[in-house]
N, C-alpha and C. Protein backbone atom coordinates (compact mmCIF):
# COMPACT_ATOMS: atom_id res chain seq x y z
N MET A 1 192.94 137.41 31.79
CA MET A 1 191.92 138.35 31.64
C MET A 1 192.00 139.28 33.04
N GLU A 2 192.01 140.59 32.70
CA GLU A 2 192.20 141.63 33.67
C GLU A 2 190.76 141.96 34.40
N GLN A 3 190.73 142.19 35.59
CA GLN A 3 189.60 142.68 36.35
C GLN A 3 189.47 144.19 36.34
N ASN A 4 188.32 144.66 36.12
CA ASN A 4 187.92 146.02 36.13
C ASN A 4 187.76 146.50 37.57
N PRO A 5 188.68 147.49 38.05
CA PRO A 5 188.51 147.87 39.55
C PRO A 5 187.13 148.80 39.80
N TYR A 6 186.67 149.35 38.72
CA TYR A 6 185.60 150.07 38.74
C TYR A 6 184.24 149.37 38.44
N GLU A 7 184.26 148.10 38.18
CA GLU A 7 183.23 147.31 37.93
C GLU A 7 182.09 147.41 39.07
N VAL A 8 180.84 147.49 38.64
CA VAL A 8 179.71 147.51 39.76
C VAL A 8 179.44 146.09 40.01
N LEU A 9 179.57 145.73 41.25
CA LEU A 9 179.26 144.32 41.73
C LEU A 9 177.88 144.02 42.08
N ASN A 10 177.15 145.09 42.87
CA ASN A 10 176.05 144.98 43.51
C ASN A 10 175.19 146.18 43.20
N VAL A 11 174.11 146.40 42.70
CA VAL A 11 173.31 147.46 42.61
C VAL A 11 172.07 147.26 43.29
N ASP A 12 171.75 148.27 44.26
CA ASP A 12 170.71 148.29 45.12
C ASP A 12 169.69 149.41 44.67
N PRO A 13 168.54 149.11 44.21
CA PRO A 13 167.70 150.06 43.41
C PRO A 13 166.90 150.86 44.50
N ALA A 14 166.95 150.65 45.76
CA ALA A 14 166.12 151.35 46.92
C ALA A 14 164.58 151.21 46.56
N PRO A 15 164.04 150.30 47.03
CA PRO A 15 162.56 150.17 46.75
C PRO A 15 161.76 151.20 47.35
N LEU A 16 160.63 151.27 47.00
CA LEU A 16 159.78 152.48 47.44
C LEU A 16 159.58 152.49 48.91
N GLY A 17 159.59 151.32 49.56
CA GLY A 17 159.37 151.40 51.17
C GLY A 17 160.66 151.62 51.95
N ASP A 18 161.93 151.60 51.29
CA ASP A 18 162.99 151.55 52.04
C ASP A 18 163.21 153.08 52.60
N ALA A 19 163.21 153.09 54.01
CA ALA A 19 163.22 154.31 54.70
C ALA A 19 164.49 155.07 54.64
N GLU A 20 165.59 154.39 54.35
CA GLU A 20 166.82 155.25 54.49
C GLU A 20 167.07 155.65 53.08
N LYS A 21 166.62 154.96 51.79
CA LYS A 21 167.31 155.36 50.51
C LYS A 21 166.43 156.10 49.82
N SER A 22 164.98 155.72 49.80
CA SER A 22 164.02 156.27 48.94
C SER A 22 163.52 157.72 49.40
N PRO A 23 163.62 158.66 48.35
CA PRO A 23 163.20 159.97 48.77
C PRO A 23 161.75 160.14 48.71
N SER A 24 160.81 159.07 48.28
CA SER A 24 159.39 159.10 48.31
C SER A 24 158.84 158.48 49.60
N TRP A 25 159.70 157.94 50.43
CA TRP A 25 159.19 157.21 51.69
C TRP A 25 158.92 158.12 52.68
N PHE A 26 157.56 157.92 53.20
CA PHE A 26 157.14 158.73 54.41
C PHE A 26 155.94 157.97 55.06
N SER A 27 155.84 158.26 56.46
CA SER A 27 154.58 157.76 57.01
C SER A 27 154.07 158.96 58.04
N ILE A 28 152.95 158.70 58.39
CA ILE A 28 152.32 159.87 59.38
C ILE A 28 152.11 159.16 60.62
N GLU A 29 152.51 159.81 61.75
CA GLU A 29 152.19 159.32 63.21
C GLU A 29 151.69 160.54 63.92
N GLY A 30 150.29 160.63 64.02
CA GLY A 30 149.80 161.85 64.71
C GLY A 30 149.96 163.01 63.85
N ASP A 31 150.56 163.95 64.80
CA ASP A 31 150.87 165.29 63.92
C ASP A 31 152.15 165.34 63.30
N LEU A 32 153.02 164.20 63.31
CA LEU A 32 154.46 164.16 62.74
C LEU A 32 154.63 163.52 61.56
N LEU A 33 155.23 163.99 60.64
CA LEU A 33 155.83 163.30 59.38
C LEU A 33 157.04 162.47 59.48
N VAL A 34 156.92 161.22 59.44
CA VAL A 34 158.16 160.47 59.39
C VAL A 34 158.87 160.25 58.13
N CYS A 35 160.04 160.55 58.00
CA CYS A 35 160.71 160.35 56.74
C CYS A 35 162.30 160.10 56.88
N GLY A 36 162.94 159.99 55.73
CA GLY A 36 164.42 159.71 55.83
C GLY A 36 165.20 160.93 55.65
N ARG A 37 166.39 161.01 55.33
CA ARG A 37 167.24 162.37 55.26
C ARG A 37 166.75 163.28 54.16
N PHE A 38 166.18 162.66 53.03
CA PHE A 38 165.70 163.46 51.97
C PHE A 38 164.18 162.94 51.76
N LEU A 39 163.35 163.90 51.44
CA LEU A 39 162.02 163.72 51.18
C LEU A 39 161.46 164.36 49.95
N ILE A 40 160.76 163.89 49.00
CA ILE A 40 160.00 164.62 47.98
C ILE A 40 158.64 164.42 48.23
N LEU A 41 157.90 165.27 48.68
CA LEU A 41 156.47 165.25 48.98
C LEU A 41 155.69 165.07 47.51
N PRO A 42 154.53 164.53 47.60
CA PRO A 42 153.53 164.55 46.38
C PRO A 42 153.20 165.99 46.08
N GLU A 43 152.76 165.88 44.90
CA GLU A 43 152.53 167.46 44.43
C GLU A 43 151.27 167.59 44.78
N ILE A 44 151.15 168.29 46.24
CA ILE A 44 149.92 168.79 46.87
C ILE A 44 150.59 170.09 47.42
N CYS A 45 149.71 171.00 47.32
CA CYS A 45 150.17 172.53 48.08
C CYS A 45 149.99 172.21 49.59
N VAL A 46 150.91 172.71 50.21
CA VAL A 46 150.97 172.31 51.74
C VAL A 46 150.11 173.25 52.52
N PHE A 47 149.56 174.39 52.00
CA PHE A 47 148.70 175.27 52.57
C PHE A 47 147.19 175.07 52.01
N THR A 48 146.96 175.03 50.83
CA THR A 48 145.45 174.69 50.28
C THR A 48 145.20 173.39 49.92
N GLY A 49 146.11 172.46 49.67
CA GLY A 49 145.62 171.00 49.09
C GLY A 49 145.35 171.11 47.80
N ALA A 50 145.81 171.99 47.15
CA ALA A 50 145.58 172.06 45.40
C ALA A 50 146.58 171.40 44.87
N THR A 51 146.35 170.79 43.84
CA THR A 51 147.02 169.87 42.77
C THR A 51 147.54 170.51 41.65
N GLU A 52 146.98 171.64 41.39
CA GLU A 52 147.36 172.36 39.90
C GLU A 52 147.96 173.64 40.24
N ASP A 53 148.85 174.09 39.31
CA ASP A 53 149.47 175.40 39.32
C ASP A 53 150.49 175.57 40.48
N LEU A 54 151.30 174.50 40.62
CA LEU A 54 152.09 174.46 41.76
C LEU A 54 153.55 174.99 41.45
N VAL A 55 154.32 175.46 42.55
CA VAL A 55 155.62 175.67 42.62
C VAL A 55 156.29 174.73 43.57
N VAL A 56 157.60 174.46 43.09
CA VAL A 56 158.42 173.47 43.92
C VAL A 56 159.31 174.20 44.88
N ARG A 57 159.40 173.96 46.12
CA ARG A 57 160.26 174.75 47.05
C ARG A 57 161.09 173.62 47.72
N ASN A 58 162.06 173.88 48.42
CA ASN A 58 163.16 173.09 49.21
C ASN A 58 163.27 173.85 50.55
N VAL A 59 163.24 172.99 51.58
CA VAL A 59 163.65 173.43 52.97
C VAL A 59 164.61 172.55 53.62
N ASP A 60 165.60 172.96 54.08
CA ASP A 60 166.46 172.29 55.05
C ASP A 60 166.06 172.42 56.55
N ILE A 61 165.78 171.33 57.16
CA ILE A 61 165.36 171.38 58.47
C ILE A 61 166.58 170.88 59.32
N GLN A 62 167.02 171.61 60.38
CA GLN A 62 168.09 171.25 61.18
C GLN A 62 167.61 170.92 62.45
N TYR A 63 168.19 169.90 63.16
CA TYR A 63 167.94 169.62 64.49
C TYR A 63 168.49 170.39 65.43
N SER A 64 167.73 170.87 66.41
CA SER A 64 168.29 171.81 67.57
C SER A 64 168.95 172.99 67.16
N PHE A 65 168.30 174.25 67.20
CA PHE A 65 168.74 175.44 66.85
C PHE A 65 169.62 175.90 68.14
N PHE A 66 169.14 175.75 69.18
CA PHE A 66 169.76 176.41 70.49
C PHE A 66 170.72 175.42 71.11
N ARG A 67 170.66 174.25 70.72
CA ARG A 67 171.65 173.43 71.59
C ARG A 67 172.97 173.44 70.93
N LEU A 68 173.98 173.06 71.88
CA LEU A 68 175.22 172.67 71.26
C LEU A 68 175.13 171.06 70.65
N VAL A 69 175.35 171.28 69.55
CA VAL A 69 175.35 169.82 68.87
C VAL A 69 176.48 169.44 68.39
N ILE A 70 177.01 168.14 68.51
CA ILE A 70 178.53 167.60 68.11
C ILE A 70 178.13 167.01 66.84
N ILE A 71 176.91 166.38 66.34
CA ILE A 71 176.52 165.76 65.26
C ILE A 71 175.59 166.58 64.74
N ARG A 72 175.52 167.23 63.59
CA ARG A 72 174.70 167.85 62.90
C ARG A 72 173.73 167.02 62.18
N ARG A 73 172.49 167.12 62.63
CA ARG A 73 171.31 166.28 61.90
C ARG A 73 170.56 167.32 61.01
N GLN A 74 170.36 166.87 59.76
CA GLN A 74 169.65 167.79 58.85
C GLN A 74 168.91 166.86 57.99
N CYS A 75 167.76 167.39 57.63
CA CYS A 75 166.66 166.81 56.66
C CYS A 75 166.42 167.70 55.65
N ARG A 76 166.22 167.42 54.35
CA ARG A 76 165.70 168.29 53.30
C ARG A 76 164.42 167.71 52.79
N ILE A 77 163.61 168.56 52.58
CA ILE A 77 162.05 168.10 52.17
C ILE A 77 161.84 169.13 51.03
N GLN A 78 161.44 168.35 49.85
CA GLN A 78 160.80 169.17 48.83
C GLN A 78 159.27 169.14 48.86
N TYR A 79 158.77 170.39 48.88
CA TYR A 79 157.32 170.40 48.80
C TYR A 79 156.73 171.34 47.79
N CYS A 80 155.53 171.38 47.60
CA CYS A 80 154.94 172.30 46.54
C CYS A 80 153.88 173.27 47.19
N LEU A 81 153.59 174.54 46.53
CA LEU A 81 152.66 175.24 47.08
C LEU A 81 152.05 175.81 45.73
N THR A 82 150.86 176.39 45.69
CA THR A 82 150.55 177.14 44.48
C THR A 82 151.03 178.31 44.26
N TRP A 83 151.02 178.86 43.15
CA TRP A 83 151.65 180.12 42.64
C TRP A 83 151.24 181.12 43.42
N ALA A 84 149.69 181.22 43.65
CA ALA A 84 149.00 182.46 44.22
C ALA A 84 149.70 182.21 45.73
N GLU A 85 149.57 181.26 46.42
CA GLU A 85 150.25 181.19 47.76
C GLU A 85 151.55 181.60 47.96
N ASP A 86 152.32 181.17 46.90
CA ASP A 86 153.80 181.70 46.99
C ASP A 86 153.91 183.04 46.77
N TRP A 87 153.27 183.70 45.79
CA TRP A 87 153.38 185.11 45.46
C TRP A 87 152.80 185.86 46.75
N LYS A 88 151.69 185.46 47.41
CA LYS A 88 151.17 186.09 48.60
C LYS A 88 152.16 185.91 49.79
N ARG A 89 153.02 185.15 50.09
CA ARG A 89 153.95 185.03 51.12
C ARG A 89 155.18 186.00 50.73
N ARG A 90 155.50 185.81 49.51
CA ARG A 90 156.55 186.61 49.00
C ARG A 90 156.42 188.16 49.07
N ARG A 91 155.29 188.55 48.73
CA ARG A 91 154.85 189.91 48.78
C ARG A 91 154.70 190.45 50.15
N ILE A 92 154.40 189.71 51.23
CA ILE A 92 154.43 190.09 52.49
C ILE A 92 155.78 190.33 52.86
N SER A 93 156.69 189.36 52.56
CA SER A 93 158.06 189.52 52.98
C SER A 93 158.79 190.64 52.17
N TYR A 94 158.20 191.01 50.94
CA TYR A 94 158.90 192.05 50.23
C TYR A 94 158.52 193.54 50.75
N VAL A 95 157.30 193.45 51.14
CA VAL A 95 156.86 194.74 51.75
C VAL A 95 157.36 195.12 53.07
N THR A 96 157.44 194.20 54.07
CA THR A 96 158.02 194.52 55.29
C THR A 96 159.54 194.61 55.18
N THR A 97 160.14 194.04 54.21
CA THR A 97 161.64 194.10 54.33
C THR A 97 161.90 195.54 53.41
N GLY A 98 161.13 195.90 52.52
CA GLY A 98 161.01 197.35 51.88
C GLY A 98 160.78 198.35 52.88
N GLY A 99 160.02 198.04 53.75
CA GLY A 99 159.81 199.11 54.93
C GLY A 99 161.05 199.35 55.65
N ILE A 100 161.64 198.30 56.18
CA ILE A 100 162.81 198.33 57.05
C ILE A 100 163.80 199.04 56.25
N VAL A 101 164.02 198.76 54.97
CA VAL A 101 165.14 199.46 54.09
C VAL A 101 164.80 200.71 54.11
N LEU A 102 163.58 201.13 53.53
CA LEU A 102 163.06 202.56 53.32
C LEU A 102 163.23 203.33 54.54
N GLY A 103 162.97 202.93 55.83
CA GLY A 103 163.05 203.59 56.92
C GLY A 103 164.59 204.09 57.24
N PHE A 104 165.38 202.91 57.02
CA PHE A 104 166.86 203.30 57.14
C PHE A 104 167.56 204.41 56.22
N VAL A 105 166.99 204.33 54.96
CA VAL A 105 167.43 205.16 53.92
C VAL A 105 166.92 206.55 54.24
N LEU A 106 165.51 206.73 54.69
CA LEU A 106 165.08 208.02 55.20
C LEU A 106 165.94 208.53 56.28
N MET A 107 166.09 207.67 57.31
CA MET A 107 167.05 208.07 58.35
C MET A 107 168.23 208.63 57.98
N ILE A 108 169.22 207.90 57.23
CA ILE A 108 170.43 208.21 56.80
C ILE A 108 170.51 209.29 56.02
N ALA A 109 169.45 209.66 55.04
CA ALA A 109 169.42 210.76 54.08
C ALA A 109 169.10 211.83 54.82
N SER A 110 168.34 211.92 56.07
CA SER A 110 168.01 213.20 56.67
C SER A 110 168.91 213.64 57.58
N ILE A 111 169.80 212.86 58.03
CA ILE A 111 170.79 213.16 59.06
C ILE A 111 171.59 214.38 58.65
N PRO A 112 172.13 214.43 57.48
CA PRO A 112 172.98 215.73 57.13
C PRO A 112 172.17 217.04 57.02
N THR A 113 171.02 216.86 56.74
CA THR A 113 170.06 218.08 56.56
C THR A 113 169.49 218.40 57.98
N GLU A 114 169.76 217.70 59.03
CA GLU A 114 169.32 217.83 60.45
C GLU A 114 167.79 218.07 60.31
N MET A 115 166.98 217.25 59.69
CA MET A 115 165.62 217.28 59.75
C MET A 115 165.14 216.22 60.64
N ILE A 116 165.03 216.45 61.84
CA ILE A 116 164.68 215.51 63.00
C ILE A 116 163.37 214.70 62.67
N VAL A 117 162.40 215.56 62.17
CA VAL A 117 161.11 214.83 61.88
C VAL A 117 161.34 213.76 60.88
N LEU A 118 162.34 213.82 59.87
CA LEU A 118 162.31 212.87 58.93
C LEU A 118 163.08 211.48 59.49
N VAL A 119 164.00 211.91 60.38
CA VAL A 119 164.70 210.91 61.04
C VAL A 119 163.97 210.05 61.98
N ALA A 120 163.02 210.84 62.70
CA ALA A 120 161.89 210.15 63.56
C ALA A 120 161.00 209.18 62.67
N ILE A 121 160.62 209.64 61.58
CA ILE A 121 159.71 208.95 60.73
C ILE A 121 160.29 207.61 60.29
N GLY A 122 161.63 207.74 59.79
CA GLY A 122 162.42 206.68 59.41
C GLY A 122 162.48 205.64 60.35
N ALA A 123 162.85 206.02 61.57
CA ALA A 123 163.01 205.20 62.76
C ALA A 123 161.68 204.48 63.03
N ILE A 124 160.70 205.28 63.05
CA ILE A 124 159.55 204.55 63.26
C ILE A 124 158.91 203.58 62.12
N LEU A 125 159.22 203.86 60.89
CA LEU A 125 158.74 202.98 59.81
C LEU A 125 159.54 201.72 59.88
N SER A 126 161.08 201.91 60.21
CA SER A 126 161.81 200.63 60.32
C SER A 126 161.43 199.90 61.48
N LEU A 127 161.30 200.41 62.66
CA LEU A 127 160.74 199.77 63.79
C LEU A 127 159.47 198.88 63.44
N PHE A 128 158.53 199.82 62.91
CA PHE A 128 157.14 199.12 62.65
C PHE A 128 157.22 197.88 61.83
N SER A 129 158.03 198.13 60.55
CA SER A 129 158.29 197.19 59.68
C SER A 129 158.92 195.96 60.16
N GLY A 130 159.88 196.02 61.03
CA GLY A 130 160.68 195.06 61.69
C GLY A 130 159.57 194.26 62.73
N VAL A 131 158.96 194.84 63.47
CA VAL A 131 157.90 194.16 64.18
C VAL A 131 156.93 193.44 63.45
N VAL A 132 156.37 194.11 62.39
CA VAL A 132 155.29 193.28 61.64
C VAL A 132 156.01 192.20 60.85
N LYS A 133 157.39 192.30 60.43
CA LYS A 133 157.87 191.11 59.91
C LYS A 133 158.10 189.89 61.00
N LEU A 134 158.68 190.15 62.25
CA LEU A 134 158.73 189.37 63.22
C LEU A 134 157.43 188.59 63.53
N ILE A 135 156.23 189.34 63.61
CA ILE A 135 154.98 188.79 63.94
C ILE A 135 154.46 187.85 62.75
N LEU A 136 154.64 188.32 61.43
CA LEU A 136 154.17 187.58 60.36
C LEU A 136 155.14 186.48 59.98
N ASN A 137 156.22 186.55 60.33
CA ASN A 137 157.22 185.48 59.69
C ASN A 137 156.81 184.16 59.98
N PRO A 138 156.10 183.75 61.13
CA PRO A 138 155.89 182.44 61.27
C PRO A 138 154.68 182.05 60.38
N PHE A 139 153.85 182.83 60.09
CA PHE A 139 152.69 182.57 58.92
C PHE A 139 153.22 182.67 57.54
N ILE A 140 154.32 183.19 57.30
CA ILE A 140 154.76 183.54 55.85
C ILE A 140 155.17 181.84 55.18
N GLY A 141 155.95 181.35 55.98
CA GLY A 141 156.52 180.11 55.51
C GLY A 141 156.10 178.89 56.23
N LEU A 142 156.74 177.82 55.84
CA LEU A 142 156.56 176.56 56.72
C LEU A 142 157.73 176.69 58.03
N ASN A 143 157.07 176.36 59.16
CA ASN A 143 157.76 176.54 60.40
C ASN A 143 158.07 174.89 60.87
N LEU A 144 158.97 174.31 60.08
CA LEU A 144 159.11 172.90 60.18
C LEU A 144 160.48 172.64 61.24
N CYS A 145 160.21 171.68 62.10
CA CYS A 145 161.30 171.42 62.94
C CYS A 145 161.38 170.01 63.11
N ILE A 146 162.59 169.48 63.44
CA ILE A 146 162.66 168.03 63.66
C ILE A 146 162.38 167.74 65.03
N ALA A 147 161.23 166.88 65.42
CA ALA A 147 160.74 166.70 66.66
C ALA A 147 161.68 165.63 67.28
N ARG A 148 162.03 164.69 66.62
CA ARG A 148 162.89 163.67 66.89
C ARG A 148 163.70 162.79 65.82
N PHE A 149 164.63 162.43 66.10
CA PHE A 149 165.69 161.68 65.19
C PHE A 149 165.82 160.31 65.73
N GLU A 150 165.56 159.31 64.91
CA GLU A 150 165.83 157.90 65.47
C GLU A 150 166.54 157.16 64.40
N ALA A 151 167.50 156.44 64.85
CA ALA A 151 168.49 155.76 63.84
C ALA A 151 167.79 154.65 63.37
N PRO A 152 168.14 154.40 62.22
CA PRO A 152 169.19 154.78 61.26
C PRO A 152 168.55 155.72 60.22
N GLY A 153 168.77 157.12 60.51
CA GLY A 153 168.37 158.08 59.49
C GLY A 153 166.77 158.36 59.41
N THR A 154 166.07 158.05 60.40
CA THR A 154 164.71 158.51 60.54
C THR A 154 164.26 159.79 61.29
N TYR A 155 163.73 160.58 60.60
CA TYR A 155 163.47 161.89 61.18
C TYR A 155 161.79 161.98 61.42
N LYS A 156 161.36 162.59 62.44
CA LYS A 156 160.14 162.93 62.82
C LYS A 156 160.01 164.44 62.67
N ILE A 157 159.14 164.77 61.74
CA ILE A 157 159.02 166.20 61.41
C ILE A 157 157.86 166.90 61.90
N ARG A 158 157.84 167.99 62.72
CA ARG A 158 156.60 168.73 63.27
C ARG A 158 156.54 169.97 62.51
N GLY A 159 155.25 170.51 62.31
CA GLY A 159 155.05 171.68 61.83
C GLY A 159 154.02 171.82 60.55
N PHE A 160 153.70 170.66 59.99
CA PHE A 160 152.75 170.54 58.80
C PHE A 160 151.28 170.62 59.52
N SER A 161 150.44 171.16 58.76
CA SER A 161 149.10 171.35 59.24
C SER A 161 148.34 169.88 59.34
N VAL A 162 147.47 169.78 60.12
CA VAL A 162 146.67 168.48 60.45
C VAL A 162 145.97 168.23 59.15
N PRO A 163 145.26 169.23 58.39
CA PRO A 163 144.74 168.81 57.15
C PRO A 163 145.46 168.42 56.03
N PHE A 164 146.75 168.98 56.09
CA PHE A 164 147.71 168.76 55.11
C PHE A 164 148.04 167.22 55.40
N LEU A 165 148.37 166.81 56.62
CA LEU A 165 148.66 165.53 56.86
C LEU A 165 147.67 164.45 56.54
N ALA A 166 146.44 164.94 56.77
CA ALA A 166 145.27 163.95 56.42
C ALA A 166 145.35 163.69 54.96
N THR A 167 145.60 164.81 54.26
CA THR A 167 145.51 164.66 52.81
C THR A 167 146.74 163.75 52.31
N LEU A 168 147.85 163.86 52.77
CA LEU A 168 148.92 163.00 52.71
C LEU A 168 148.62 161.62 52.91
N ALA A 169 147.93 161.26 53.97
CA ALA A 169 147.52 159.90 54.38
C ALA A 169 146.57 159.38 53.45
N ALA A 170 145.81 160.26 53.03
CA ALA A 170 144.75 159.69 52.14
C ALA A 170 145.45 159.47 50.74
N THR A 171 146.26 160.22 50.41
CA THR A 171 147.13 160.07 49.08
C THR A 171 147.77 158.74 49.01
N VAL A 172 148.65 158.44 50.11
CA VAL A 172 149.44 157.25 50.33
C VAL A 172 148.54 155.94 50.51
N ARG A 173 147.33 155.98 50.91
CA ARG A 173 146.51 155.00 51.03
C ARG A 173 145.78 154.81 49.61
N SER A 174 145.53 155.72 48.81
CA SER A 174 145.19 155.66 47.35
C SER A 174 146.37 154.96 46.41
N LEU A 175 147.63 155.18 46.90
CA LEU A 175 148.55 154.72 45.97
C LEU A 175 149.03 153.37 46.25
N ASP A 176 148.53 152.80 47.61
CA ASP A 176 148.92 151.43 47.89
C ASP A 176 148.22 150.44 47.22
N PRO A 177 148.90 149.26 46.82
CA PRO A 177 147.97 148.44 45.82
C PRO A 177 146.92 147.64 46.70
């Protein structure tokens, strides 16, 4: 009898509480969300706490943006937000980006005609839109960062609001048997 080299000998189904393998495992420590390399959060809006009319989004969080890192640590989180919140945040981004582009187009189009006033208006519009985008950018999306990494594959994430973390903690307590 021949042995099958592709035969599965041992299957580990990754139980719900397994920190390294289960995408639904997380815990809360103060203002930090502790999770594994990949996390699927419950269907709760991260901004409003609503549970209906949700849109699913993914975010990749990388450890240490400014440091020279030999080993890249990255965590992916799937979260939900309401359609209205998603559209509000996208609209802000679209308007400010549109202002920057329109200002540059106005400057470039008015250079051959030597209309200095239009060049100045385009420069002011682009500069103003860029500054508004820089100021509003932290409020548009989630500003998550990896506060700490602990082996084996445990990430401590900072950036979720305290009310959202309290809602998550209550959700986890209600799911425990």
